C-alpha cells in the first residue's frame, strides 16, 4: 500500500509562522523586562538578574537568524523557568512576578515549539 502524503498549504503555514515569531519576540522581551524590573528595581539583585537572563540571551543570536535549533534550545531552557514559576506560584508568600513568569514562559514555550515545527514544514515543502 502506498504511503499517503499530506499536502501543506504553504501560505497558511507561513502566516502561522510569522504570528508565532511575533509572539516569540513579545514574550521573550516580556521575560527580559520582567527580570530587569523584578531584580533591579523591586527586591532582587544583579546576581539573580544575570542568572535569570544569561540563559535566555544564549539563544538570542540564533533567534535573530531564525535558526530552528535555537527555538528548540529555547524550549529546553524554558522548561527550567516553567518549573520554577509553577513551584513558586503555589507558595502563598510569593508575589505577582511568579505568575507572570509562568504565563510568559508557557506562552513562549508553545510558540517556540510551533515556530520550530512550522519552519520544518515550510523547508520540507520547498524541496
PDB file of N, CA and C in Angstrom:
ATOM      1  N   UNK A   1       0.841  -1.176   0.000  1.00  0.00           N
ATOM      2  CA  UNK A   1       0.000   0.000   0.000  1.00  0.00           C
ATOM      3  C   UNK A   1       0.886   1.239   0.000  1.00  0.00           C
ATOM      4  N   UNK A   2       0.554   2.207  -0.804  1.00  0.00           N
ATOM      5  CA  UNK A   2       1.355   3.428  -0.924  1.00  0.00           C
ATOM      6  C   UNK A   2       1.129   4.339   0.270  1.00  0.00           C
ATOM      7  N   UNK A   3       2.182   5.011   0.620  1.00  0.00           N
ATOM      8  CA  UNK A   3       2.111   5.951   1.737  1.00  0.00           C
ATOM      9  C   UNK A   3       1.453   7.240   1.271  1.00  0.00           C
ATOM     10  N   UNK A   4       0.480   7.705   2.034  1.00  0.00           N
ATOM     11  CA  UNK A   4      -0.216   8.944   1.688  1.00  0.00           C
ATOM     12  C   UNK A   4       0.622  10.132   2.128  1.00  0.00           C
ATOM     13  N   UNK A   5       0.735  11.116   1.262  1.00  0.00           N
ATOM     14  CA  UNK A   5       1.447  12.339   1.617  1.00  0.00           C
ATOM     15  C   UNK A   5       0.431  13.442   1.876  1.00  0.00           C
ATOM     16  N   UNK A   6       0.725  14.212   2.867  1.00  0.00           N
ATOM     17  CA  UNK A   6      -0.171  15.295   3.252  1.00  0.00           C
ATOM     18  C   UNK A   6       0.231  16.558   2.497  1.00  0.00           C
ATOM     19  N   UNK A   7      -0.721  17.181   1.870  1.00  0.00           N
ATOM     20  CA  UNK A   7      -0.472  18.421   1.148  1.00  0.00           C
ATOM     21  C   UNK A   7      -0.532  19.578   2.136  1.00  0.00           C
ATOM     22  N   UNK A   8       0.498  20.392   2.096  1.00  0.00           N
ATOM     23  CA  UNK A   8       0.597  21.506   3.044  1.00  0.00           C
ATOM     24  C   UNK A   8       0.306  22.814   2.314  1.00  0.00           C
ATOM     25  N   UNK A   9      -0.572  23.605   2.893  1.00  0.00           N
ATOM     26  CA  UNK A   9      -0.840  24.947   2.379  1.00  0.00           C
ATOM     27  C   UNK A   9       0.270  25.861   2.884  1.00  0.00           C
ATOM     28  N   UNK A  10       1.249  26.128   2.036  1.00  0.00           N
ATOM     29  CA  UNK A  10       2.428  26.875   2.484  1.00  0.00           C
ATOM     30  C   UNK A  10       2.090  28.308   2.873  1.00  0.00           C
ATOM     31  N   UNK A  11       1.105  28.903   2.246  1.00  0.00           N
ATOM     32  CA  UNK A  11       0.729  30.273   2.609  1.00  0.00           C
ATOM     33  C   UNK A  11       0.174  30.321   4.028  1.00  0.00           C
ATOM     34  N   UNK A  12      -0.633  29.338   4.371  1.00  0.00           N
ATOM     35  CA  UNK A  12      -1.209  29.301   5.714  1.00  0.00           C
ATOM     36  C   UNK A  12      -0.130  29.015   6.758  1.00  0.00           C
ATOM     37  N   UNK A  13       0.771  28.099   6.457  1.00  0.00           N
ATOM     38  CA  UNK A  13       1.852  27.791   7.391  1.00  0.00           C
ATOM     39  C   UNK A  13       2.771  29.003   7.559  1.00  0.00           C
ATOM     40  N   UNK A  14       3.043  29.711   6.472  1.00  0.00           N
ATOM     41  CA  UNK A  14       3.887  30.909   6.555  1.00  0.00           C
ATOM     42  C   UNK A  14       3.225  31.986   7.413  1.00  0.00           C
ATOM     43  N   UNK A  15       1.915  32.116   7.301  1.00  0.00           N
ATOM     44  CA  UNK A  15       1.178  33.088   8.119  1.00  0.00           C
ATOM     45  C   UNK A  15       1.267  32.721   9.599  1.00  0.00           C
ATOM     46  N   UNK A  16       1.046  31.435   9.897  1.00  0.00           N
ATOM     47  CA  UNK A  16       1.145  30.966  11.279  1.00  0.00           C
ATOM     48  C   UNK A  16       2.556  31.175  11.825  1.00  0.00           C
ATOM     49  N   UNK A  17       3.537  30.925  10.980  1.00  0.00           N
ATOM     50  CA  UNK A  17       4.929  31.071  11.392  1.00  0.00           C
ATOM     51  C   UNK A  17       5.254  32.514  11.761  1.00  0.00           C
ATOM     52  N   UNK A  18       4.778  33.448  10.983  1.00  0.00           N
ATOM     53  CA  UNK A  18       5.026  34.864  11.289  1.00  0.00           C
ATOM     54  C   UNK A  18       4.327  35.292  12.572  1.00  0.00           C
ATOM     55  N   UNK A  19       3.111  34.804  12.798  1.00  0.00           N
ATOM     56  CA  UNK A  19       2.405  35.116  14.045  1.00  0.00           C
ATOM     57  C   UNK A  19       3.160  34.532  15.236  1.00  0.00           C
ATOM     58  N   UNK A  20       3.622  33.294  15.096  1.00  0.00           N
ATOM     59  CA  UNK A  20       4.366  32.651  16.185  1.00  0.00           C
ATOM     60  C   UNK A  20       5.679  33.374  16.454  1.00  0.00           C
ATOM     61  N   UNK A  21       6.370  33.802  15.410  1.00  0.00           N
ATOM     62  CA  UNK A  21       7.627  34.536  15.604  1.00  0.00           C
ATOM     63  C   UNK A  21       7.382  35.859  16.319  1.00  0.00           C
ATOM     64  N   UNK A  22       6.310  36.540  15.958  1.00  0.00           N
ATOM     65  CA  UNK A  22       5.968  37.790  16.646  1.00  0.00           C
ATOM     66  C   UNK A  22       5.671  37.523  18.117  1.00  0.00           C
ATOM     67  N   UNK A  23       4.913  36.476  18.379  1.00  0.00           N
ATOM     68  CA  UNK A  23       4.602  36.110  19.757  1.00  0.00           C
ATOM     69  C   UNK A  23       5.870  35.726  20.512  1.00  0.00           C
ATOM     70  N   UNK A  24       6.794  35.048  19.833  1.00  0.00           N
ATOM     71  CA  UNK A  24       8.084  34.712  20.454  1.00  0.00           C
ATOM     72  C   UNK A  24       8.794  35.970  20.930  1.00  0.00           C
ATOM     73  N   UNK A  25       8.895  36.957  20.060  1.00  0.00           N
ATOM     74  CA  UNK A  25       9.635  38.170  20.411  1.00  0.00           C
ATOM     75  C   UNK A  25       8.937  38.954  21.514  1.00  0.00           C
ATOM     76  N   UNK A  26       7.611  38.984  21.495  1.00  0.00           N
ATOM     77  CA  UNK A  26       6.873  39.714  22.540  1.00  0.00           C
ATOM     78  C   UNK A  26       7.091  39.055  23.904  1.00  0.00           C
ATOM     79  N   UNK A  27       6.949  37.740  23.965  1.00  0.00           N
ATOM     80  CA  UNK A  27       7.136  37.036  25.247  1.00  0.00           C
ATOM     81  C   UNK A  27       8.593  37.039  25.678  1.00  0.00           C
ATOM     82  N   UNK A  28       9.507  36.925  24.740  1.00  0.00           N
ATOM     83  CA  UNK A  28      10.938  36.957  25.051  1.00  0.00           C
ATOM     84  C   UNK A  28      11.302  38.309  25.666  1.00  0.00           C
ATOM     85  N   UNK A  29      10.857  39.383  25.028  1.00  0.00           N
ATOM     86  CA  UNK A  29      11.113  40.722  25.571  1.00  0.00           C
ATOM     87  C   UNK A  29      10.401  40.902  26.906  1.00  0.00           C
ATOM     88  N   UNK A  30       9.203  40.352  27.030  1.00  0.00           N
ATOM     89  CA  UNK A  30       8.471  40.429  28.293  1.00  0.00           C
ATOM     90  C   UNK A  30       9.220  39.769  29.431  1.00  0.00           C
ATOM     91  N   UNK A  31       9.823  38.608  29.163  1.00  0.00           N
ATOM     92  CA  UNK A  31      10.612  37.940  30.196  1.00  0.00           C
ATOM     93  C   UNK A  31      11.828  38.769  30.591  1.00  0.00           C
ATOM     94  N   UNK A  32      12.520  39.324  29.608  1.00  0.00           N
ATOM     95  CA  UNK A  32      13.698  40.137  29.916  1.00  0.00           C
ATOM     96  C   UNK A  32      13.329  41.383  30.711  1.00  0.00           C
ATOM     97  N   UNK A  33      12.218  42.016  30.356  1.00  0.00           N
ATOM     98  CA  UNK A  33      11.759  43.194  31.098  1.00  0.00           C
ATOM     99  C   UNK A  33      11.323  42.793  32.507  1.00  0.00           C
ATOM    100  N   UNK A  34      10.614  41.669  32.621  1.00  0.00           N
ATOM    101  CA  UNK A  34      10.199  41.191  33.939  1.00  0.00           C
ATOM    102  C   UNK A  34      11.403  40.959  34.836  1.00  0.00           C
ATOM    103  N   UNK A  35      12.429  40.295  34.317  1.00  0.00           N
ATOM    104  CA  UNK A  35      13.616  40.034  35.129  1.00  0.00           C
ATOM    105  C   UNK A  35      14.334  41.321  35.512  1.00  0.00           C
ATOM    106  N   UNK A  36      14.372  42.282  34.597  1.00  0.00           N
ATOM    107  CA  UNK A  36      15.032  43.549  34.910  1.00  0.00           C
ATOM    108  C   UNK A  36      14.270  44.305  35.999  1.00  0.00           C
ATOM    109  N   UNK A  37      12.961  44.418  35.846  1.00  0.00           N
ATOM    110  CA  UNK A  37      12.150  45.137  36.841  1.00  0.00           C
ATOM    111  C   UNK A  37      12.198  44.416  38.182  1.00  0.00           C
ATOM    112  N   UNK A  38      12.038  43.119  38.147  1.00  0.00           N
ATOM    113  CA  UNK A  38      11.985  42.297  39.354  1.00  0.00           C
ATOM    114  C   UNK A  38      13.292  42.370  40.140  1.00  0.00           C
ATOM    115  N   UNK A  39      14.405  42.219  39.452  1.00  0.00           N
ATOM    116  CA  UNK A  39      15.690  42.107  40.154  1.00  0.00           C
ATOM    117  C   UNK A  39      16.423  43.425  40.336  1.00  0.00           C
ATOM    118  N   UNK A  40      16.231  44.345  39.447  1.00  0.00           N
ATOM    119  CA  UNK A  40      16.982  45.594  39.559  1.00  0.00           C
ATOM    120  C   UNK A  40      16.213  46.681  40.289  1.00  0.00           C
ATOM    121  N   UNK A  41      14.875  46.593  40.313  1.00  0.00           N
ATOM    122  CA  UNK A  41      14.090  47.666  40.915  1.00  0.00           C
ATOM    123  C   UNK A  41      13.261  47.225  42.115  1.00  0.00           C
ATOM    124  N   UNK A  42      12.810  45.982  42.160  1.00  0.00           N
ATOM    125  CA  UNK A  42      11.932  45.567  43.248  1.00  0.00           C
ATOM    126  C   UNK A  42      12.711  44.970  44.417  1.00  0.00           C
ATOM    127  N   UNK A  43      13.007  43.697  44.359  1.00  0.00           N
ATOM    128  CA  UNK A  43      13.633  43.095  45.533  1.00  0.00           C
ATOM    129  C   UNK A  43      14.723  42.078  45.196  1.00  0.00           C
ATOM    130  N   UNK A  44      15.296  42.156  44.063  1.00  0.00           N
ATOM    131  CA  UNK A  44      16.312  41.196  43.672  1.00  0.00           C
ATOM    132  C   UNK A  44      17.710  41.785  43.741  1.00  0.00           C
ATOM    133  N   UNK A  45      18.597  41.173  43.005  1.00  0.00           N
ATOM    134  CA  UNK A  45      19.970  41.653  42.954  1.00  0.00           C
ATOM    135  C   UNK A  45      20.496  41.463  41.535  1.00  0.00           C
ATOM    136  N   UNK A  46      21.639  42.039  41.273  1.00  0.00           N
ATOM    137  CA  UNK A  46      22.251  41.926  39.955  1.00  0.00           C
ATOM    138  C   UNK A  46      22.649  40.477  39.686  1.00  0.00           C
ATOM    139  N   UNK A  47      23.066  39.765  40.714  1.00  0.00           N
ATOM    140  CA  UNK A  47      23.448  38.356  40.543  1.00  0.00           C
ATOM    141  C   UNK A  47      22.266  37.525  40.050  1.00  0.00           C
ATOM    142  N   UNK A  48      21.093  37.718  40.677  1.00  0.00           N
ATOM    143  CA  UNK A  48      19.911  36.973  40.255  1.00  0.00           C
ATOM    144  C   UNK A  48      19.487  37.382  38.853  1.00  0.00           C
ATOM    145  N   UNK A  49      19.604  38.660  38.553  1.00  0.00           N
ATOM    146  CA  UNK A  49      19.248  39.144  37.218  1.00  0.00           C
ATOM    147  C   UNK A  49      20.116  38.468  36.157  1.00  0.00           C
ATOM    148  N   UNK A  50      21.422  38.405  36.411  1.00  0.00           N
ATOM    149  CA  UNK A  50      22.325  37.736  35.466  1.00  0.00           C
ATOM    150  C   UNK A  50      22.009  36.249  35.369  1.00  0.00           C
ATOM    151  N   UNK A  51      21.733  35.611  36.493  1.00  0.00           N
ATOM    152  CA  UNK A  51      21.422  34.192  36.498  1.00  0.00           C
ATOM    153  C   UNK A  51      20.156  33.882  35.692  1.00  0.00           C
ATOM    154  N   UNK A  52      19.201  34.787  35.731  1.00  0.00           N
ATOM    155  CA  UNK A  52      17.946  34.572  35.022  1.00  0.00           C
ATOM    156  C   UNK A  52      18.018  34.961  33.554  1.00  0.00           C
ATOM    157  N   UNK A  53      18.801  35.966  33.212  1.00  0.00           N
ATOM    158  CA  UNK A  53      18.796  36.455  31.828  1.00  0.00           C
ATOM    159  C   UNK A  53      19.832  35.805  30.923  1.00  0.00           C
ATOM    160  N   UNK A  54      20.959  35.390  31.461  1.00  0.00           N
ATOM    161  CA  UNK A  54      22.022  34.832  30.610  1.00  0.00           C
ATOM    162  C   UNK A  54      21.551  33.601  29.831  1.00  0.00           C
ATOM    163  N   UNK A  55      20.833  32.645  30.439  1.00  0.00           N
ATOM    164  CA  UNK A  55      20.367  31.515  29.626  1.00  0.00           C
ATOM    165  C   UNK A  55      19.484  31.934  28.452  1.00  0.00           C
ATOM    166  N   UNK A  56      18.654  32.940  28.662  1.00  0.00           N
ATOM    167  CA  UNK A  56      17.815  33.418  27.562  1.00  0.00           C
ATOM    168  C   UNK A  56      18.642  34.113  26.486  1.00  0.00           C
ATOM    169  N   UNK A  57      19.671  34.817  26.905  1.00  0.00           N
ATOM    170  CA  UNK A  57      20.493  35.548  25.939  1.00  0.00           C
ATOM    171  C   UNK A  57      21.357  34.610  25.090  1.00  0.00           C
ATOM    172  N   UNK A  58      21.570  33.390  25.535  1.00  0.00           N
ATOM    173  CA  UNK A  58      22.372  32.442  24.768  1.00  0.00           C
ATOM    174  C   UNK A  58      21.735  32.088  23.421  1.00  0.00           C
ATOM    175  N   UNK A  59      20.411  32.083  23.361  1.00  0.00           N
ATOM    176  CA  UNK A  59      19.726  31.714  22.114  1.00  0.00           C
ATOM    177  C   UNK A  59      19.355  32.927  21.265  1.00  0.00           C
ATOM    178  N   UNK A  60      19.636  34.117  21.745  1.00  0.00           N
ATOM    179  CA  UNK A  60      19.260  35.331  21.024  1.00  0.00           C
ATOM    180  C   UNK A  60      19.858  35.416  19.619  1.00  0.00           C
ATOM    181  N   UNK A  61      21.159  35.154  19.415  1.00  0.00           N
ATOM    182  CA  UNK A  61      21.691  35.245  18.044  1.00  0.00           C
ATOM    183  C   UNK A  61      21.008  34.274  17.077  1.00  0.00           C
ATOM    184  N   UNK A  62      20.723  33.069  17.539  1.00  0.00           N
ATOM    185  CA  UNK A  62      20.051  32.099  16.678  1.00  0.00           C
ATOM    186  C   UNK A  62      18.612  32.475  16.382  1.00  0.00           C
ATOM    187  N   UNK A  63      17.930  33.052  17.362  1.00  0.00           N
ATOM    188  CA  UNK A  63      16.563  33.523  17.112  1.00  0.00           C
ATOM    189  C   UNK A  63      16.575  34.659  16.104  1.00  0.00           C
ATOM    190  N   UNK A  64      17.557  35.521  16.220  1.00  0.00           N
ATOM    191  CA  UNK A  64      17.667  36.652  15.296  1.00  0.00           C
ATOM    192  C   UNK A  64      17.865  36.158  13.862  1.00  0.00           C
ATOM    193  N   UNK A  65      18.627  35.052  13.727  1.00  0.00           N
ATOM    194  CA  UNK A  65      18.882  34.466  12.404  1.00  0.00           C
ATOM    195  C   UNK A  65      17.803  33.472  11.990  1.00  0.00           C
ATOM    196  N   UNK A  66      16.810  33.276  12.843  1.00  0.00           N
ATOM    197  CA  UNK A  66      15.687  32.372  12.592  1.00  0.00           C
ATOM    198  C   UNK A  66      16.138  30.925  12.394  1.00  0.00           C
ATOM    199  N   UNK A  67      17.022  30.481  13.246  1.00  0.00           N
ATOM    200  CA  UNK A  67      17.514  29.114  13.175  1.00  0.00           C
ATOM    201  C   UNK A  67      16.626  28.198  14.004  1.00  0.00           C
ATOM    202  N   UNK A  68      16.229  27.096  13.403  1.00  0.00           N
ATOM    203  CA  UNK A  68      15.315  26.172  14.069  1.00  0.00           C
ATOM    204  C   UNK A  68      15.911  25.611  15.351  1.00  0.00           C
ATOM    205  N   UNK A  69      17.188  25.316  15.339  1.00  0.00           N
ATOM    206  CA  UNK A  69      17.852  24.739  16.513  1.00  0.00           C
ATOM    207  C   UNK A  69      17.777  25.677  17.721  1.00  0.00           C
ATOM    208  N   UNK A  70      17.836  26.975  17.492  1.00  0.00           N
ATOM    209  CA  UNK A  70      17.751  27.932  18.600  1.00  0.00           C
ATOM    210  C   UNK A  70      16.380  27.895  19.265  1.00  0.00           C
ATOM    211  N   UNK A  71      15.332  27.720  18.456  1.00  0.00           N
ATOM    212  CA  UNK A  71      13.996  27.621  19.034  1.00  0.00           C
ATOM    213  C   UNK A  71      13.847  26.347  19.853  1.00  0.00           C
ATOM    214  N   UNK A  72      14.484  25.268  19.403  1.00  0.00           N
ATOM    215  CA  UNK A  72      14.446  24.024  20.181  1.00  0.00           C
ATOM    216  C   UNK A  72      15.192  24.184  21.504  1.00  0.00           C
ATOM    217  N   UNK A  73      16.354  24.814  21.467  1.00  0.00           N
ATOM    218  CA  UNK A  73      17.110  25.048  22.706  1.00  0.00           C
ATOM    219  C   UNK A  73      16.354  25.992  23.633  1.00  0.00           C
ATOM    220  N   UNK A  74      15.669  26.956  23.057  1.00  0.00           N
ATOM    221  CA  UNK A  74      14.863  27.858  23.876  1.00  0.00           C
ATOM    222  C   UNK A  74      13.799  27.073  24.635  1.00  0.00           C
ATOM    223  N   UNK A  75      13.192  26.091  23.987  1.00  0.00           N
ATOM    224  CA  UNK A  75      12.194  25.259  24.667  1.00  0.00           C
ATOM    225  C   UNK A  75      12.806  24.521  25.845  1.00  0.00           C
ATOM    226  N   UNK A  76      14.004  23.970  25.657  1.00  0.00           N
ATOM    227  CA  UNK A  76      14.663  23.277  26.763  1.00  0.00           C
ATOM    228  C   UNK A  76      14.959  24.235  27.918  1.00  0.00           C
ATOM    229  N   UNK A  77      15.439  25.409  27.597  1.00  0.00           N
ATOM    230  CA  UNK A  77      15.749  26.405  28.634  1.00  0.00           C
ATOM    231  C   UNK A  77      14.476  26.831  29.365  1.00  0.00           C
ATOM    232  N   UNK A  78      13.401  27.008  28.614  1.00  0.00           N
ATOM    233  CA  UNK A  78      12.154  27.473  29.219  1.00  0.00           C
ATOM    234  C   UNK A  78      11.552  26.462  30.190  1.00  0.00           C
ATOM    235  N   UNK A  79      11.879  25.193  30.027  1.00  0.00           N
ATOM    236  CA  UNK A  79      11.367  24.204  30.980  1.00  0.00           C
ATOM    237  C   UNK A  79      11.821  24.513  32.405  1.00  0.00           C
ATOM    238  N   UNK A  80      13.024  25.058  32.543  1.00  0.00           N
ATOM    239  CA  UNK A  80      13.505  25.448  33.879  1.00  0.00           C
ATOM    240  C   UNK A  80      12.676  26.604  34.444  1.00  0.00           C
ATOM    241  N   UNK A  81      12.391  27.590  33.602  1.00  0.00           N
ATOM    242  CA  UNK A  81      11.603  28.742  34.054  1.00  0.00           C
ATOM    243  C   UNK A  81      10.171  28.329  34.391  1.00  0.00           C
ATOM    244  N   UNK A  82       9.607  27.440  33.578  1.00  0.00           N
ATOM    245  CA  UNK A  82       8.240  26.982  33.829  1.00  0.00           C
ATOM    246  C   UNK A  82       8.173  26.233  35.155  1.00  0.00           C
ATOM    247  N   UNK A  83       9.123  25.341  35.373  1.00  0.00           N
ATOM    248  CA  UNK A  83       9.142  24.567  36.617  1.00  0.00           C
ATOM    249  C   UNK A  83       9.290  25.478  37.832  1.00  0.00           C
ATOM    250  N   UNK A  84      10.251  26.396  37.765  1.00  0.00           N
ATOM    251  CA  UNK A  84      10.454  27.317  38.889  1.00  0.00           C
ATOM    252  C   UNK A  84       9.227  28.197  39.106  1.00  0.00           C
ATOM    253  N   UNK A  85       8.626  28.657  38.031  1.00  0.00           N
ATOM    254  CA  UNK A  85       7.451  29.510  38.152  1.00  0.00           C
ATOM    255  C   UNK A  85       6.269  28.792  38.779  1.00  0.00           C
ATOM    256  N   UNK A  86       6.024  27.561  38.358  1.00  0.00           N
ATOM    257  CA  UNK A  86       4.890  26.807  38.898  1.00  0.00           C
ATOM    258  C   UNK A  86       5.102  26.499  40.378  1.00  0.00           C
ATOM    259  N   UNK A  87       6.311  26.122  40.735  1.00  0.00           N
ATOM    260  CA  UNK A  87       6.598  25.847  42.149  1.00  0.00           C
ATOM    261  C   UNK A  87       6.374  27.107  42.980  1.00  0.00           C
ATOM    262  N   UNK A  88       6.846  28.244  42.503  1.00  0.00           N
ATOM    263  CA  UNK A  88       6.713  29.479  43.270  1.00  0.00           C
ATOM    264  C   UNK A  88       5.290  30.021  43.287  1.00  0.00           C
ATOM    265  N   UNK A  89       4.522  29.775  42.235  1.00  0.00           N
ATOM    266  CA  UNK A  89       3.131  30.239  42.217  1.00  0.00           C
ATOM    267  C   UNK A  89       2.316  29.536  43.289  1.00  0.00           C
ATOM    268  N   UNK A  90       2.661  28.301  43.586  1.00  0.00           N
ATOM    269  CA  UNK A  90       1.913  27.537  44.581  1.00  0.00           C
ATOM    270  C   UNK A  90       2.211  27.961  46.019  1.00  0.00           C
ATOM    271  N   UNK A  91       3.229  28.765  46.234  1.00  0.00           N
ATOM    272  CA  UNK A  91       3.555  29.236  47.586  1.00  0.00           C
ATOM    273  C   UNK A  91       2.779  30.514  47.874  1.00  0.00           C
ATOM    274  N   UNK A  92       2.086  30.560  48.994  1.00  0.00           N
ATOM    275  CA  UNK A  92       1.240  31.728  49.273  1.00  0.00           C
ATOM    276  C   UNK A  92       2.013  33.015  49.548  1.00  0.00           C
ATOM    277  N   UNK A  93       3.283  32.926  49.884  1.00  0.00           N
ATOM    278  CA  UNK A  93       4.029  34.132  50.241  1.00  0.00           C
ATOM    279  C   UNK A  93       4.702  34.787  49.030  1.00  0.00           C
ATOM    280  N   UNK A  94       4.564  34.213  47.866  1.00  0.00           N
ATOM    281  CA  UNK A  94       5.233  34.759  46.679  1.00  0.00           C
ATOM    282  C   UNK A  94       4.398  35.859  46.049  1.00  0.00           C
ATOM    283  N   UNK A  95       5.064  36.707  45.254  1.00  0.00           N
ATOM    284  CA  UNK A  95       4.402  37.846  44.634  1.00  0.00           C
ATOM    285  C   UNK A  95       3.860  37.552  43.244  1.00  0.00           C
ATOM    286  N   UNK A  96       3.368  38.586  42.611  1.00  0.00           N
ATOM    287  CA  UNK A  96       2.757  38.502  41.291  1.00  0.00           C
ATOM    288  C   UNK A  96       3.761  38.127  40.202  1.00  0.00           C
ATOM    289  N   UNK A  97       5.037  38.377  40.451  1.00  0.00           N
ATOM    290  CA  UNK A  97       6.060  38.142  39.443  1.00  0.00           C
ATOM    291  C   UNK A  97       6.101  36.682  38.995  1.00  0.00           C
ATOM    292  N   UNK A  98       5.834  35.783  39.907  1.00  0.00           N
ATOM    293  CA  UNK A  98       5.922  34.365  39.597  1.00  0.00           C
ATOM    294  C   UNK A  98       4.795  33.931  38.661  1.00  0.00           C
ATOM    295  N   UNK A  99       3.637  34.509  38.832  1.00  0.00           N
ATOM    296  CA  UNK A  99       2.535  34.224  37.907  1.00  0.00           C
ATOM    297  C   UNK A  99       2.827  34.733  36.511  1.00  0.00           C
ATOM    298  N   UNK A 100       3.385  35.937  36.428  1.00  0.00           N
ATOM    299  CA  UNK A 100       3.749  36.496  35.122  1.00  0.00           C
ATOM    300  C   UNK A 100       4.858  35.672  34.490  1.00  0.00           C
ATOM    301  N   UNK A 101       5.823  35.254  35.293  1.00  0.00           N
ATOM    302  CA  UNK A 101       6.912  34.412  34.794  1.00  0.00           C
ATOM    303  C   UNK A 101       6.368  33.109  34.220  1.00  0.00           C
ATOM    304  N   UNK A 102       5.457  32.473  34.930  1.00  0.00           N
ATOM    305  CA  UNK A 102       4.886  31.212  34.464  1.00  0.00           C
ATOM    306  C   UNK A 102       4.101  31.408  33.175  1.00  0.00           C
ATOM    307  N   UNK A 103       3.276  32.443  33.115  1.00  0.00           N
ATOM    308  CA  UNK A 103       2.464  32.686  31.921  1.00  0.00           C
ATOM    309  C   UNK A 103       3.339  32.990  30.706  1.00  0.00           C
ATOM    310  N   UNK A 104       4.291  33.904  30.856  1.00  0.00           N
ATOM    311  CA  UNK A 104       5.164  34.248  29.728  1.00  0.00           C
ATOM    312  C   UNK A 104       5.997  33.053  29.271  1.00  0.00           C
ATOM    313  N   UNK A 105       6.486  32.272  30.223  1.00  0.00           N
ATOM    314  CA  UNK A 105       7.295  31.104  29.879  1.00  0.00           C
ATOM    315  C   UNK A 105       6.480  30.055  29.139  1.00  0.00           C
ATOM    316  N   UNK A 106       5.260  29.817  29.596  1.00  0.00           N
ATOM    317  CA  UNK A 106       4.410  28.830  28.925  1.00  0.00           C
ATOM    318  C   UNK A 106       4.033  29.269  27.511  1.00  0.00           C
ATOM    319  N   UNK A 107       3.666  30.526  27.366  1.00  0.00           N
ATOM    320  CA  UNK A 107       3.307  31.034  26.032  1.00  0.00           C
ATOM    321  C   UNK A 107       4.510  30.986  25.109  1.00  0.00           C
ATOM    322  N   UNK A 108       5.670  31.395  25.610  1.00  0.00           N
ATOM    323  CA  UNK A 108       6.881  31.367  24.796  1.00  0.00           C
ATOM    324  C   UNK A 108       7.267  29.936  24.448  1.00  0.00           C
ATOM    325  N   UNK A 109       7.106  29.001  25.373  1.00  0.00           N
ATOM    326  CA  UNK A 109       7.428  27.603  25.104  1.00  0.00           C
ATOM    327  C   UNK A 109       6.585  27.068  23.946  1.00  0.00           C
ATOM    328  N   UNK A 110       5.285  27.275  24.019  1.00  0.00           N
ATOM    329  CA  UNK A 110       4.395  26.761  22.971  1.00  0.00           C
ATOM    330  C   UNK A 110       4.665  27.455  21.636  1.00  0.00           C
ATOM    331  N   UNK A 111       4.855  28.757  21.652  1.00  0.00           N
ATOM    332  CA  UNK A 111       5.085  29.458  20.391  1.00  0.00           C
ATOM    333  C   UNK A 111       6.441  29.104  19.783  1.00  0.00           C
ATOM    334  N   UNK A 112       7.460  28.887  20.616  1.00  0.00           N
ATOM    335  CA  UNK A 112       8.766  28.478  20.089  1.00  0.00           C
ATOM    336  C   UNK A 112       8.703  27.062  19.521  1.00  0.00           C
ATOM    337  N   UNK A 113       7.964  26.195  20.188  1.00  0.00           N
ATOM    338  CA  UNK A 113       7.808  24.830  19.699  1.00  0.00           C
ATOM    339  C   UNK A 113       7.082  24.817  18.351  1.00  0.00           C
ATOM    340  N   UNK A 114       6.038  25.601  18.238  1.00  0.00           N
ATOM    341  CA  UNK A 114       5.293  25.645  16.982  1.00  0.00           C
ATOM    342  C   UNK A 114       6.094  26.348  15.884  1.00  0.00           C
ATOM    343  N   UNK A 115       6.880  27.349  16.260  1.00  0.00           N
ATOM    344  CA  UNK A 115       7.747  28.007  15.281  1.00  0.00           C
ATOM    345  C   UNK A 115       8.711  26.999  14.679  1.00  0.00           C
ATOM    346  N   UNK A 116       9.300  26.189  15.516  1.00  0.00           N
ATOM    347  CA  UNK A 116      10.228  25.165  15.040  1.00  0.00           C
ATOM    348  C   UNK A 116       9.524  24.183  14.105  1.00  0.00           C
ATOM    349  N   UNK A 117       8.358  23.765  14.486  1.00  0.00           N
ATOM    350  CA  UNK A 117       7.611  22.802  13.662  1.00  0.00           C
ATOM    351  C   UNK A 117       7.232  23.402  12.312  1.00  0.00           C
ATOM    352  N   UNK A 118       6.703  24.621  12.333  1.00  0.00           N
ATOM    353  CA  UNK A 118       6.269  25.231  11.081  1.00  0.00           C
ATOM    354  C   UNK A 118       7.446  25.576  10.174  1.00  0.00           C
ATOM    355  N   UNK A 119       8.586  25.895  10.764  1.00  0.00           N
ATOM    356  CA  UNK A 119       9.781  26.136   9.962  1.00  0.00           C
ATOM    357  C   UNK A 119      10.169  24.880   9.194  1.00  0.00           C
ATOM    358  N   UNK A 120      10.148  23.752   9.867  1.00  0.00           N
ATOM    359  CA  UNK A 120      10.476  22.483   9.220  1.00  0.00           C
ATOM    360  C   UNK A 120       9.460  22.162   8.133  1.00  0.00           C
ATOM    361  N   UNK A 121       8.192  22.392   8.392  1.00  0.00           N
ATOM    362  CA  UNK A 121       7.169  22.139   7.376  1.00  0.00           C
ATOM    363  C   UNK A 121       7.396  22.980   6.131  1.00  0.00           C
ATOM    364  N   UNK A 122       7.730  24.252   6.324  1.00  0.00           N
ATOM    365  CA  UNK A 122       7.990  25.107   5.159  1.00  0.00           C
ATOM    366  C   UNK A 122       9.240  24.682   4.406  1.00  0.00           C
ATOM    367  N   UNK A 123      10.271  24.295   5.137  1.00  0.00           N
ATOM    368  CA  UNK A 123      11.509  23.854   4.487  1.00  0.00           C
ATOM    369  C   UNK A 123      11.258  22.569   3.701  1.00  0.00           C
ATOM    370  N   UNK A 124      10.494  21.633   4.257  1.00  0.00           N
ATOM    371  CA  UNK A 124      10.207  20.385   3.557  1.00  0.00           C
ATOM    372  C   UNK A 124       9.299  20.608   2.346  1.00  0.00           C
ATOM    373  N   UNK A 125       8.419  21.583   2.432  1.00  0.00           N
ATOM    374  CA  UNK A 125       7.526  21.866   1.307  1.00  0.00           C
ATOM    375  C   UNK A 125       8.290  22.506   0.138  1.00  0.00           C
ATOM    376  N   UNK A 126       9.382  23.159   0.423  1.00  0.00           N
ATOM    377  CA  UNK A 126      10.159  23.821  -0.639  1.00  0.00           C
ATOM    378  C   UNK A 126      10.978  22.820  -1.434  1.00  0.00           C
ATOM    379  N   UNK A 127      11.239  21.655  -0.868  1.00  0.00           N
ATOM    380  CA  UNK A 127      12.061  20.660  -1.573  1.00  0.00           C
ATOM    381  C   UNK A 127      11.251  19.736  -2.416  1.00  0.00           C
TER     382      UNK A 127
END
